[in-house]
Amino acid sequence: MSDDTPRLAATTLDSEFTLSIDEAATLYENAGHPRTPRSIQRYCAKGHLEYRRMETPFGEKFLITPESVMNHIAYIEEVRPVATGRGTSRHAATDVAGENREGEQREEPSTTSDQSRQAPPEDRYVGALERENEFLRTQVTVKDVQISALQERAHETNSLINGLQRLLAPLLSAPEHKREGGTPGPPPAGDDLRS
């Protein structure tokens, strides 16, 4: 096992598994490292988080220990500056650049109203997801109306079938007259169905 993967404690009690996926996501977000529920499931599968799976009538539910989430957040904060390279200073480069430009007048870039700034990719994705959610909400409303109409039609159809069964019940339950030889035949002349 590598040093960057937290080890699971052998003595972890089931009562310590108290966080749902959404609650763990809230802890990550509060720490400044937002994660999706799918990412948290992957962390569980990779062994970064201590978890238990529980079967529910609606599928599997993950329960996670708060301590493992906090340990993983601390790990992310420790590794993140190294991975992004933002923790390294560049004093030498700025000193040389300052020496070369001391005598020159510094020109500030102008921003005018006709220059539009591109939105960060996150804003575009959030906007697209919000539009998609709104579309899906309207579709659910339309489907609810359609389901209601279909239920009403099904009720009407059942009422019509019940009425038809009541009308046909006397005809279907009439005794059949048998001919000699055991095969059904026409009713005797004395029986009149019109009465």
N, C-alpha and C. Protein backbone atom coordinates (compact mmCIF):
# COMPACT_ATOMS: atom_id res chain seq x y z
N MET A 1 0.85 -1.17 0.00
CA MET A 1 0.00 0.00 0.00
C MET A 1 0.89 1.23 0.00
N SER A 2 0.55 2.25 -0.79
CA SER A 2 1.38 3.43 -0.87
C SER A 2 1.14 4.35 0.32
N ASP A 3 2.08 5.28 0.53
CA ASP A 3 2.00 6.18 1.69
C ASP A 3 0.84 7.17 1.58
N ASP A 4 0.38 7.47 0.34
CA ASP A 4 -0.65 8.49 0.19
C ASP A 4 -2.05 7.94 0.41
N THR A 5 -2.21 6.64 0.56
CA THR A 5 -3.53 6.07 0.79
C THR A 5 -3.71 5.82 2.28
N PRO A 6 -4.75 6.43 2.89
CA PRO A 6 -4.95 6.18 4.31
C PRO A 6 -5.33 4.73 4.57
N ARG A 7 -4.86 4.20 5.67
CA ARG A 7 -5.15 2.81 6.02
C ARG A 7 -6.40 2.74 6.86
N LEU A 8 -7.18 1.71 6.63
CA LEU A 8 -8.41 1.51 7.38
C LEU A 8 -8.08 0.91 8.74
N ALA A 9 -8.69 1.43 9.77
CA ALA A 9 -8.47 0.89 11.11
C ALA A 9 -9.24 -0.41 11.25
N ALA A 10 -8.61 -1.40 11.83
CA ALA A 10 -9.25 -2.70 11.98
C ALA A 10 -10.29 -2.69 13.07
N THR A 11 -10.26 -1.70 13.94
CA THR A 11 -11.17 -1.68 15.08
C THR A 11 -12.29 -0.65 14.92
N THR A 12 -12.55 -0.19 13.71
CA THR A 12 -13.60 0.80 13.51
C THR A 12 -14.96 0.18 13.80
N LEU A 13 -15.71 0.82 14.69
CA LEU A 13 -17.03 0.32 15.06
C LEU A 13 -18.05 0.76 14.03
N ASP A 14 -19.09 -0.06 13.87
CA ASP A 14 -20.15 0.29 12.93
C ASP A 14 -20.86 1.57 13.32
N SER A 15 -20.87 1.90 14.62
CA SER A 15 -21.55 3.11 15.08
C SER A 15 -20.82 4.38 14.64
N GLU A 16 -19.56 4.26 14.19
CA GLU A 16 -18.81 5.43 13.73
C GLU A 16 -19.13 5.80 12.30
N PHE A 17 -19.83 4.97 11.57
CA PHE A 17 -20.18 5.24 10.18
C PHE A 17 -21.49 6.01 10.17
N THR A 18 -21.38 7.34 10.24
CA THR A 18 -22.57 8.16 10.45
C THR A 18 -22.88 9.09 9.28
N LEU A 19 -21.94 9.30 8.37
CA LEU A 19 -22.16 10.28 7.30
C LEU A 19 -22.69 9.63 6.03
N SER A 20 -23.68 10.27 5.43
CA SER A 20 -24.13 9.85 4.11
C SER A 20 -23.21 10.49 3.07
N ILE A 21 -23.38 10.11 1.82
CA ILE A 21 -22.58 10.70 0.73
C ILE A 21 -22.80 12.22 0.69
N ASP A 22 -24.05 12.65 0.80
CA ASP A 22 -24.35 14.09 0.73
C ASP A 22 -23.74 14.84 1.91
N GLU A 23 -23.77 14.25 3.10
CA GLU A 23 -23.18 14.91 4.26
C GLU A 23 -21.66 15.01 4.11
N ALA A 24 -21.05 13.97 3.55
CA ALA A 24 -19.61 14.02 3.29
C ALA A 24 -19.29 15.10 2.26
N ALA A 25 -20.14 15.22 1.23
CA ALA A 25 -19.95 16.26 0.21
C ALA A 25 -20.02 17.65 0.84
N THR A 26 -20.90 17.82 1.81
CA THR A 26 -21.01 19.10 2.51
C THR A 26 -19.73 19.40 3.28
N LEU A 27 -19.14 18.40 3.91
CA LEU A 27 -17.87 18.62 4.63
C LEU A 27 -16.76 19.04 3.67
N TYR A 28 -16.69 18.38 2.50
CA TYR A 28 -15.69 18.75 1.51
C TYR A 28 -15.92 20.19 1.05
N GLU A 29 -17.18 20.54 0.79
CA GLU A 29 -17.49 21.89 0.32
C GLU A 29 -17.15 22.94 1.37
N ASN A 30 -17.48 22.66 2.62
CA ASN A 30 -17.17 23.60 3.71
C ASN A 30 -15.67 23.79 3.88
N ALA A 31 -14.90 22.77 3.53
CA ALA A 31 -13.44 22.86 3.65
C ALA A 31 -12.82 23.55 2.43
N GLY A 32 -13.66 23.92 1.45
CA GLY A 32 -13.14 24.59 0.26
C GLY A 32 -12.70 23.64 -0.83
N HIS A 33 -13.11 22.39 -0.75
CA HIS A 33 -12.76 21.39 -1.76
C HIS A 33 -14.02 20.66 -2.19
N PRO A 34 -14.92 21.32 -2.93
CA PRO A 34 -16.19 20.68 -3.28
C PRO A 34 -15.97 19.41 -4.11
N ARG A 35 -16.75 18.39 -3.80
CA ARG A 35 -16.67 17.12 -4.50
C ARG A 35 -18.08 16.66 -4.84
N THR A 36 -18.20 15.92 -5.95
CA THR A 36 -19.49 15.37 -6.34
C THR A 36 -19.73 14.07 -5.58
N PRO A 37 -20.99 13.65 -5.46
CA PRO A 37 -21.26 12.36 -4.81
C PRO A 37 -20.52 11.21 -5.49
N ARG A 38 -20.40 11.25 -6.81
CA ARG A 38 -19.68 10.19 -7.52
C ARG A 38 -18.20 10.17 -7.13
N SER A 39 -17.60 11.34 -6.95
CA SER A 39 -16.19 11.40 -6.52
C SER A 39 -16.03 10.77 -5.14
N ILE A 40 -16.98 11.04 -4.26
CA ILE A 40 -16.89 10.48 -2.90
C ILE A 40 -17.05 8.96 -2.95
N GLN A 41 -17.91 8.46 -3.82
CA GLN A 41 -18.03 7.00 -3.99
C GLN A 41 -16.71 6.41 -4.49
N ARG A 42 -16.05 7.13 -5.41
CA ARG A 42 -14.75 6.64 -5.90
C ARG A 42 -13.70 6.66 -4.79
N TYR A 43 -13.73 7.69 -3.94
CA TYR A 43 -12.80 7.73 -2.80
C TYR A 43 -13.03 6.52 -1.90
N CYS A 44 -14.29 6.16 -1.71
CA CYS A 44 -14.60 4.97 -0.90
C CYS A 44 -14.02 3.72 -1.56
N ALA A 45 -14.27 3.58 -2.86
CA ALA A 45 -13.82 2.38 -3.57
C ALA A 45 -12.30 2.27 -3.59
N LYS A 46 -11.60 3.40 -3.63
CA LYS A 46 -10.14 3.39 -3.66
C LYS A 46 -9.52 3.25 -2.27
N GLY A 47 -10.35 3.31 -1.23
CA GLY A 47 -9.82 3.16 0.12
C GLY A 47 -9.40 4.45 0.78
N HIS A 48 -9.70 5.60 0.16
CA HIS A 48 -9.35 6.88 0.78
C HIS A 48 -10.27 7.20 1.96
N LEU A 49 -11.48 6.64 1.95
CA LEU A 49 -12.44 6.88 3.02
C LEU A 49 -12.88 5.55 3.61
N GLU A 50 -13.13 5.55 4.91
CA GLU A 50 -13.68 4.36 5.58
C GLU A 50 -15.19 4.40 5.40
N TYR A 51 -15.75 3.30 4.91
CA TYR A 51 -17.18 3.29 4.64
C TYR A 51 -17.77 1.90 4.84
N ARG A 52 -19.06 1.85 4.91
CA ARG A 52 -19.82 0.60 4.91
C ARG A 52 -20.96 0.78 3.92
N ARG A 53 -21.28 -0.29 3.23
CA ARG A 53 -22.44 -0.27 2.33
C ARG A 53 -23.60 -0.93 3.02
N MET A 54 -24.76 -0.30 2.91
CA MET A 54 -25.97 -0.87 3.49
C MET A 54 -26.99 -1.05 2.37
N GLU A 55 -27.65 -2.20 2.38
CA GLU A 55 -28.72 -2.44 1.42
C GLU A 55 -29.99 -1.77 1.93
N THR A 56 -30.65 -1.02 1.05
CA THR A 56 -31.93 -0.40 1.36
C THR A 56 -32.93 -0.83 0.30
N PRO A 57 -34.20 -0.60 0.51
CA PRO A 57 -35.19 -0.95 -0.54
C PRO A 57 -34.94 -0.20 -1.85
N PHE A 58 -34.21 0.91 -1.80
CA PHE A 58 -33.96 1.72 -2.98
C PHE A 58 -32.57 1.51 -3.56
N GLY A 59 -31.80 0.58 -3.05
CA GLY A 59 -30.44 0.32 -3.54
C GLY A 59 -29.44 0.36 -2.40
N GLU A 60 -28.18 0.57 -2.76
CA GLU A 60 -27.13 0.62 -1.76
C GLU A 60 -26.97 2.03 -1.20
N LYS A 61 -26.62 2.11 0.08
CA LYS A 61 -26.36 3.39 0.73
C LYS A 61 -24.98 3.30 1.35
N PHE A 62 -24.17 4.33 1.13
CA PHE A 62 -22.83 4.40 1.70
C PHE A 62 -22.90 5.16 3.02
N LEU A 63 -22.27 4.63 4.06
CA LEU A 63 -22.11 5.34 5.33
C LEU A 63 -20.61 5.48 5.58
N ILE A 64 -20.17 6.69 5.88
CA ILE A 64 -18.75 7.02 5.94
C ILE A 64 -18.42 7.57 7.33
N THR A 65 -17.19 7.32 7.78
CA THR A 65 -16.77 7.87 9.07
C THR A 65 -16.34 9.33 8.89
N PRO A 66 -16.76 10.21 9.79
CA PRO A 66 -16.34 11.62 9.70
C PRO A 66 -14.82 11.77 9.79
N GLU A 67 -14.19 10.93 10.60
CA GLU A 67 -12.74 11.03 10.77
C GLU A 67 -12.00 10.77 9.46
N SER A 68 -12.47 9.80 8.67
CA SER A 68 -11.79 9.50 7.42
C SER A 68 -11.97 10.65 6.42
N VAL A 69 -13.13 11.31 6.47
CA VAL A 69 -13.34 12.46 5.58
C VAL A 69 -12.39 13.59 5.98
N MET A 70 -12.28 13.87 7.26
CA MET A 70 -11.40 14.95 7.72
C MET A 70 -9.93 14.63 7.39
N ASN A 71 -9.54 13.37 7.53
CA ASN A 71 -8.17 12.97 7.18
C ASN A 71 -7.91 13.16 5.70
N HIS A 72 -8.91 12.83 4.87
CA HIS A 72 -8.74 12.96 3.43
C HIS A 72 -8.68 14.44 3.03
N ILE A 73 -9.48 15.28 3.68
CA ILE A 73 -9.43 16.72 3.40
C ILE A 73 -8.05 17.26 3.77
N ALA A 74 -7.51 16.83 4.91
CA ALA A 74 -6.17 17.27 5.32
C ALA A 74 -5.13 16.81 4.30
N TYR A 75 -5.30 15.60 3.78
CA TYR A 75 -4.39 15.08 2.76
C TYR A 75 -4.47 15.93 1.50
N ILE A 76 -5.69 16.29 1.07
CA ILE A 76 -5.85 17.11 -0.13
C ILE A 76 -5.18 18.46 0.07
N GLU A 77 -5.36 19.07 1.24
CA GLU A 77 -4.76 20.38 1.51
C GLU A 77 -3.24 20.30 1.55
N GLU A 78 -2.72 19.18 1.98
CA GLU A 78 -1.27 19.00 2.05
C GLU A 78 -0.68 18.80 0.65
N VAL A 79 -1.37 18.04 -0.18
CA VAL A 79 -0.83 17.68 -1.50
C VAL A 79 -1.15 18.74 -2.55
N ARG A 80 -2.24 19.45 -2.42
CA ARG A 80 -2.72 20.36 -3.46
C ARG A 80 -1.69 21.42 -3.89
N PRO A 81 -1.03 22.12 -2.98
CA PRO A 81 -0.06 23.13 -3.44
C PRO A 81 1.07 22.53 -4.26
N VAL A 82 1.49 21.32 -3.92
CA VAL A 82 2.57 20.68 -4.66
C VAL A 82 2.08 20.28 -6.04
N ALA A 83 0.86 19.77 -6.13
CA ALA A 83 0.34 19.29 -7.40
C ALA A 83 0.09 20.44 -8.37
N THR A 84 -0.38 21.58 -7.89
CA THR A 84 -0.69 22.69 -8.78
C THR A 84 0.51 23.59 -9.05
N GLY A 85 1.53 23.49 -8.21
CA GLY A 85 2.71 24.31 -8.42
C GLY A 85 2.54 25.74 -7.91
N ARG A 86 1.44 26.03 -7.23
CA ARG A 86 1.21 27.39 -6.75
C ARG A 86 1.99 27.69 -5.47
N GLY A 87 2.50 26.64 -4.84
CA GLY A 87 3.22 26.85 -3.59
C GLY A 87 4.67 27.24 -3.81
N THR A 88 5.19 27.16 -5.02
CA THR A 88 6.59 27.49 -5.27
C THR A 88 6.71 28.97 -5.57
N SER A 89 7.70 29.60 -5.00
CA SER A 89 7.88 31.03 -5.21
C SER A 89 8.79 31.26 -6.41
N ARG A 90 8.67 32.43 -7.02
CA ARG A 90 9.47 32.77 -8.19
C ARG A 90 10.15 34.12 -7.97
N HIS A 91 10.83 34.26 -6.88
CA HIS A 91 11.46 35.54 -6.56
C HIS A 91 12.52 35.92 -7.57
N ALA A 92 13.31 34.97 -8.00
CA ALA A 92 14.40 35.29 -8.91
C ALA A 92 13.87 35.84 -10.22
N ALA A 93 12.83 35.29 -10.74
CA ALA A 93 12.29 35.74 -12.02
C ALA A 93 11.71 37.14 -11.91
N THR A 94 11.05 37.46 -10.83
CA THR A 94 10.46 38.80 -10.69
C THR A 94 11.55 39.84 -10.44
N ASP A 95 12.64 39.47 -9.75
CA ASP A 95 13.73 40.44 -9.53
C ASP A 95 14.39 40.81 -10.84
N VAL A 96 14.64 39.84 -11.70
CA VAL A 96 15.27 40.12 -12.99
C VAL A 96 14.34 40.95 -13.85
N ALA A 97 13.06 40.64 -13.85
CA ALA A 97 12.12 41.40 -14.65
C ALA A 97 12.04 42.83 -14.15
N GLY A 98 12.12 43.03 -12.84
CA GLY A 98 12.08 44.38 -12.29
C GLY A 98 13.31 45.19 -12.67
N GLU A 99 14.48 44.58 -12.72
CA GLU A 99 15.69 45.28 -13.09
C GLU A 99 15.63 45.74 -14.54
N ASN A 100 15.07 44.95 -15.43
CA ASN A 100 15.04 45.28 -16.85
C ASN A 100 14.04 46.39 -17.16
N ARG A 101 13.04 46.61 -16.35
CA ARG A 101 11.97 47.54 -16.70
C ARG A 101 11.94 48.76 -15.78
N GLU A 102 12.99 49.02 -15.02
CA GLU A 102 12.97 50.14 -14.08
C GLU A 102 12.78 51.46 -14.78
N GLY A 103 13.45 51.73 -15.88
CA GLY A 103 13.41 53.03 -16.55
C GLY A 103 12.19 53.20 -17.43
N GLU A 104 11.54 52.16 -17.80
CA GLU A 104 10.42 52.26 -18.73
C GLU A 104 9.14 52.66 -18.00
N GLN A 105 8.31 53.40 -18.74
CA GLN A 105 7.01 53.75 -18.18
C GLN A 105 6.09 52.56 -18.38
N ARG A 106 5.43 52.23 -17.33
CA ARG A 106 4.57 51.05 -17.38
C ARG A 106 3.21 51.45 -17.94
N GLU A 107 2.76 50.71 -18.94
CA GLU A 107 1.48 51.03 -19.57
C GLU A 107 0.44 50.04 -19.06
N GLU A 108 -0.62 50.58 -18.47
CA GLU A 108 -1.69 49.72 -17.95
C GLU A 108 -2.60 49.31 -19.09
N PRO A 109 -2.97 48.07 -19.14
CA PRO A 109 -3.90 47.65 -20.19
C PRO A 109 -5.27 48.27 -19.95
N SER A 110 -5.86 48.73 -21.01
CA SER A 110 -7.17 49.36 -20.87
C SER A 110 -8.26 48.33 -21.13
N THR A 111 -9.28 48.45 -20.36
CA THR A 111 -10.43 47.59 -20.59
C THR A 111 -11.58 48.48 -20.97
N THR A 112 -12.19 48.18 -22.06
CA THR A 112 -13.32 48.97 -22.53
C THR A 112 -14.57 48.12 -22.46
N SER A 113 -15.70 48.81 -22.62
CA SER A 113 -16.97 48.09 -22.51
C SER A 113 -17.21 47.17 -23.70
N ASP A 114 -16.50 47.40 -24.83
CA ASP A 114 -16.74 46.53 -25.98
C ASP A 114 -15.96 45.21 -25.90
N GLN A 115 -15.08 45.10 -24.93
CA GLN A 115 -14.36 43.85 -24.75
C GLN A 115 -15.10 43.02 -23.70
N SER A 116 -15.55 41.87 -24.10
CA SER A 116 -16.26 41.01 -23.15
C SER A 116 -15.29 39.99 -22.58
N ARG A 117 -15.46 39.75 -21.31
CA ARG A 117 -14.63 38.74 -20.66
C ARG A 117 -15.33 37.41 -20.77
N GLN A 118 -14.56 36.39 -21.03
CA GLN A 118 -15.12 35.05 -21.09
C GLN A 118 -15.40 34.58 -19.68
N ALA A 119 -16.56 33.96 -19.52
CA ALA A 119 -16.91 33.41 -18.22
C ALA A 119 -16.03 32.20 -17.95
N PRO A 120 -15.66 31.99 -16.70
CA PRO A 120 -14.87 30.79 -16.39
C PRO A 120 -15.65 29.54 -16.79
N PRO A 121 -14.95 28.47 -17.11
CA PRO A 121 -15.65 27.24 -17.53
C PRO A 121 -16.66 26.75 -16.49
N GLU A 122 -16.37 26.97 -15.21
CA GLU A 122 -17.29 26.50 -14.18
C GLU A 122 -18.64 27.20 -14.31
N ASP A 123 -18.62 28.53 -14.61
CA ASP A 123 -19.86 29.27 -14.76
C ASP A 123 -20.67 28.75 -15.94
N ARG A 124 -19.98 28.43 -17.04
CA ARG A 124 -20.69 27.89 -18.20
C ARG A 124 -21.33 26.56 -17.86
N TYR A 125 -20.60 25.70 -17.14
CA TYR A 125 -21.15 24.39 -16.79
C TYR A 125 -22.32 24.52 -15.83
N VAL A 126 -22.18 25.43 -14.86
CA VAL A 126 -23.27 25.64 -13.91
C VAL A 126 -24.50 26.14 -14.64
N GLY A 127 -24.31 27.09 -15.55
CA GLY A 127 -25.43 27.62 -16.33
C GLY A 127 -26.09 26.54 -17.17
N ALA A 128 -25.26 25.71 -17.80
CA ALA A 128 -25.82 24.62 -18.62
C ALA A 128 -26.59 23.63 -17.75
N LEU A 129 -26.06 23.32 -16.58
CA LEU A 129 -26.76 22.40 -15.68
C LEU A 129 -28.06 23.00 -15.17
N GLU A 130 -28.04 24.30 -14.88
CA GLU A 130 -29.28 24.94 -14.41
C GLU A 130 -30.34 24.93 -15.51
N ARG A 131 -29.93 25.20 -16.75
CA ARG A 131 -30.89 25.15 -17.87
C ARG A 131 -31.43 23.73 -18.05
N GLU A 132 -30.55 22.76 -17.95
CA GLU A 132 -30.98 21.35 -18.08
C GLU A 132 -31.95 20.97 -16.97
N ASN A 133 -31.66 21.41 -15.74
CA ASN A 133 -32.56 21.12 -14.62
C ASN A 133 -33.92 21.76 -14.83
N GLU A 134 -33.93 23.00 -15.32
CA GLU A 134 -35.21 23.68 -15.57
C GLU A 134 -36.01 22.96 -16.65
N PHE A 135 -35.32 22.53 -17.70
CA PHE A 135 -35.98 21.77 -18.77
C PHE A 135 -36.58 20.48 -18.21
N LEU A 136 -35.81 19.77 -17.39
CA LEU A 136 -36.30 18.51 -16.83
C LEU A 136 -37.47 18.75 -15.88
N ARG A 137 -37.45 19.85 -15.13
CA ARG A 137 -38.59 20.17 -14.25
C ARG A 137 -39.86 20.39 -15.06
N THR A 138 -39.74 21.12 -16.17
CA THR A 138 -40.94 21.34 -17.00
C THR A 138 -41.41 20.04 -17.61
N GLN A 139 -40.48 19.16 -17.98
CA GLN A 139 -40.87 17.87 -18.55
C GLN A 139 -41.61 17.02 -17.51
N VAL A 140 -41.16 17.07 -16.28
CA VAL A 140 -41.83 16.32 -15.21
C VAL A 140 -43.26 16.83 -15.03
N THR A 141 -43.43 18.15 -15.09
CA THR A 141 -44.77 18.73 -14.97
C THR A 141 -45.67 18.26 -16.11
N VAL A 142 -45.14 18.27 -17.34
CA VAL A 142 -45.91 17.81 -18.50
C VAL A 142 -46.27 16.34 -18.33
N LYS A 143 -45.32 15.54 -17.90
CA LYS A 143 -45.58 14.10 -17.73
C LYS A 143 -46.62 13.86 -16.65
N ASP A 144 -46.61 14.65 -15.57
CA ASP A 144 -47.62 14.50 -14.53
C ASP A 144 -49.01 14.75 -15.08
N VAL A 145 -49.15 15.77 -15.92
CA VAL A 145 -50.45 16.06 -16.54
C VAL A 145 -50.88 14.90 -17.43
N GLN A 146 -49.93 14.38 -18.22
CA GLN A 146 -50.25 13.25 -19.11
C GLN A 146 -50.65 12.01 -18.31
N ILE A 147 -49.97 11.75 -17.23
CA ILE A 147 -50.30 10.58 -16.40
C ILE A 147 -51.68 10.75 -15.79
N SER A 148 -52.00 11.96 -15.35
CA SER A 148 -53.31 12.21 -14.78
C SER A 148 -54.41 11.97 -15.82
N ALA A 149 -54.19 12.43 -17.05
CA ALA A 149 -55.17 12.22 -18.12
C ALA A 149 -55.31 10.73 -18.43
N LEU A 150 -54.21 10.02 -18.44
CA LEU A 150 -54.27 8.57 -18.72
C LEU A 150 -55.00 7.83 -17.60
N GLN A 151 -54.80 8.25 -16.38
CA GLN A 151 -55.51 7.61 -15.27
C GLN A 151 -57.02 7.85 -15.38
N GLU A 152 -57.40 9.04 -15.81
CA GLU A 152 -58.82 9.35 -15.99
C GLU A 152 -59.41 8.48 -17.10
N ARG A 153 -58.67 8.33 -18.20
CA ARG A 153 -59.13 7.47 -19.32
C ARG A 153 -59.23 6.01 -18.87
N ALA A 154 -58.30 5.57 -18.06
CA ALA A 154 -58.33 4.19 -17.57
C ALA A 154 -59.56 3.98 -16.69
N HIS A 155 -59.90 4.98 -15.86
CA HIS A 155 -61.10 4.88 -15.02
C HIS A 155 -62.36 4.81 -15.89
N GLU A 156 -62.42 5.64 -16.92
CA GLU A 156 -63.57 5.62 -17.84
C GLU A 156 -63.68 4.28 -18.54
N THR A 157 -62.54 3.75 -18.99
CA THR A 157 -62.55 2.45 -19.68
C THR A 157 -63.03 1.35 -18.74
N ASN A 158 -62.57 1.37 -17.50
CA ASN A 158 -63.01 0.36 -16.53
C ASN A 158 -64.51 0.46 -16.28
N SER A 159 -65.04 1.69 -16.21
CA SER A 159 -66.48 1.86 -16.02
C SER A 159 -67.26 1.30 -17.20
N LEU A 160 -66.79 1.56 -18.40
CA LEU A 160 -67.46 1.04 -19.60
C LEU A 160 -67.42 -0.48 -19.66
N ILE A 161 -66.29 -1.06 -19.31
CA ILE A 161 -66.16 -2.53 -19.33
C ILE A 161 -67.07 -3.14 -18.28
N ASN A 162 -67.16 -2.54 -17.09
CA ASN A 162 -68.07 -3.05 -16.06
C ASN A 162 -69.52 -3.01 -16.53
N GLY A 163 -69.91 -1.91 -17.18
CA GLY A 163 -71.27 -1.81 -17.71
C GLY A 163 -71.54 -2.85 -18.78
N LEU A 164 -70.58 -3.07 -19.65
CA LEU A 164 -70.72 -4.07 -20.70
C LEU A 164 -70.82 -5.47 -20.10
N GLN A 165 -70.04 -5.75 -19.08
CA GLN A 165 -70.12 -7.06 -18.42
C GLN A 165 -71.49 -7.27 -17.78
N ARG A 166 -72.05 -6.22 -17.19
CA ARG A 166 -73.39 -6.34 -16.60
C ARG A 166 -74.43 -6.62 -17.67
N LEU A 167 -74.29 -5.99 -18.84
CA LEU A 167 -75.24 -6.23 -19.92
C LEU A 167 -75.12 -7.63 -20.50
N LEU A 168 -73.90 -8.12 -20.61
CA LEU A 168 -73.66 -9.42 -21.22
C LEU A 168 -73.81 -10.58 -20.24
N ALA A 169 -73.79 -10.32 -18.95
CA ALA A 169 -73.85 -11.39 -17.96
C ALA A 169 -75.07 -12.29 -18.14
N PRO A 170 -76.31 -11.76 -18.36
CA PRO A 170 -77.45 -12.68 -18.53
C PRO A 170 -77.31 -13.54 -19.79
N LEU A 171 -76.74 -12.98 -20.84
CA LEU A 171 -76.59 -13.75 -22.08
C LEU A 171 -75.54 -14.83 -21.95
N LEU A 172 -74.47 -14.51 -21.24
CA LEU A 172 -73.37 -15.47 -21.11
C LEU A 172 -73.68 -16.57 -20.10
N SER A 173 -74.54 -16.30 -19.16
CA SER A 173 -74.83 -17.31 -18.15
C SER A 173 -76.08 -18.12 -18.49
N ALA A 174 -76.75 -17.91 -19.65
CA ALA A 174 -77.94 -18.68 -20.04
C ALA A 174 -77.54 -20.13 -20.27
N PRO A 175 -78.33 -21.08 -19.77
CA PRO A 175 -77.98 -22.49 -19.96
C PRO A 175 -78.10 -22.89 -21.42
N GLU A 176 -77.15 -23.70 -21.85
CA GLU A 176 -77.18 -24.18 -23.22
C GLU A 176 -77.99 -25.48 -23.26
N HIS A 177 -78.81 -25.60 -24.25
CA HIS A 177 -79.61 -26.82 -24.43
C HIS A 177 -78.82 -27.77 -25.28
N LYS A 178 -78.81 -29.00 -24.87
CA LYS A 178 -78.03 -29.99 -25.60
C LYS A 178 -78.95 -30.84 -26.47
N ARG A 179 -78.49 -31.14 -27.65
CA ARG A 179 -79.20 -32.07 -28.52
C ARG A 179 -78.97 -33.49 -28.02
N GLU A 180 -79.73 -34.37 -28.59
CA GLU A 180 -79.47 -35.78 -28.27
C GLU A 180 -78.10 -36.12 -28.81
N GLY A 181 -77.28 -36.71 -28.24
CA GLY A 181 -75.93 -37.03 -28.67
C GLY A 181 -74.90 -36.15 -27.99
N GLY A 182 -75.33 -35.21 -27.18
CA GLY A 182 -74.41 -34.44 -26.37
C GLY A 182 -73.89 -33.16 -27.00
N THR A 183 -74.29 -32.83 -28.22
CA THR A 183 -73.79 -31.59 -28.80
C THR A 183 -74.82 -30.50 -28.63
N PRO A 184 -74.41 -29.31 -28.39
CA PRO A 184 -75.37 -28.23 -28.20
C PRO A 184 -76.14 -27.96 -29.48
N GLY A 185 -77.36 -27.60 -29.32
CA GLY A 185 -78.19 -27.31 -30.48
C GLY A 185 -79.06 -26.13 -30.19
N PRO A 186 -79.99 -25.83 -31.11
CA PRO A 186 -80.88 -24.70 -30.87
C PRO A 186 -81.81 -25.00 -29.73
N PRO A 187 -82.28 -23.98 -29.04
CA PRO A 187 -83.20 -24.21 -27.93
C PRO A 187 -84.52 -24.77 -28.44
N PRO A 188 -85.25 -25.48 -27.61
CA PRO A 188 -86.55 -26.01 -28.04
C PRO A 188 -87.48 -24.87 -28.41
N ALA A 189 -88.49 -25.16 -29.21
CA ALA A 189 -89.39 -24.14 -29.76
C ALA A 189 -90.09 -23.38 -28.67
N GLY A 190 -90.31 -23.94 -27.54
CA GLY A 190 -91.03 -23.26 -26.46
C GLY A 190 -90.24 -22.16 -25.80
N ASP A 191 -88.89 -22.22 -25.85
CA ASP A 191 -88.07 -21.17 -25.21
C ASP A 191 -87.95 -19.97 -26.11
N ASP A 192 -88.33 -18.83 -25.60
CA ASP A 192 -88.22 -17.62 -26.39
C ASP A 192 -87.28 -16.66 -25.64
N LEU A 193 -86.20 -16.24 -26.29
CA LEU A 193 -85.21 -15.37 -25.67
C LEU A 193 -85.66 -13.92 -25.62
N ARG A 194 -86.69 -13.58 -26.40
CA ARG A 194 -87.11 -12.18 -26.45
C ARG A 194 -87.91 -11.78 -25.22
N SER A 195 -88.41 -12.69 -24.44
CA SER A 195 -89.24 -12.33 -23.32
C SER A 195 -88.49 -11.97 -22.10
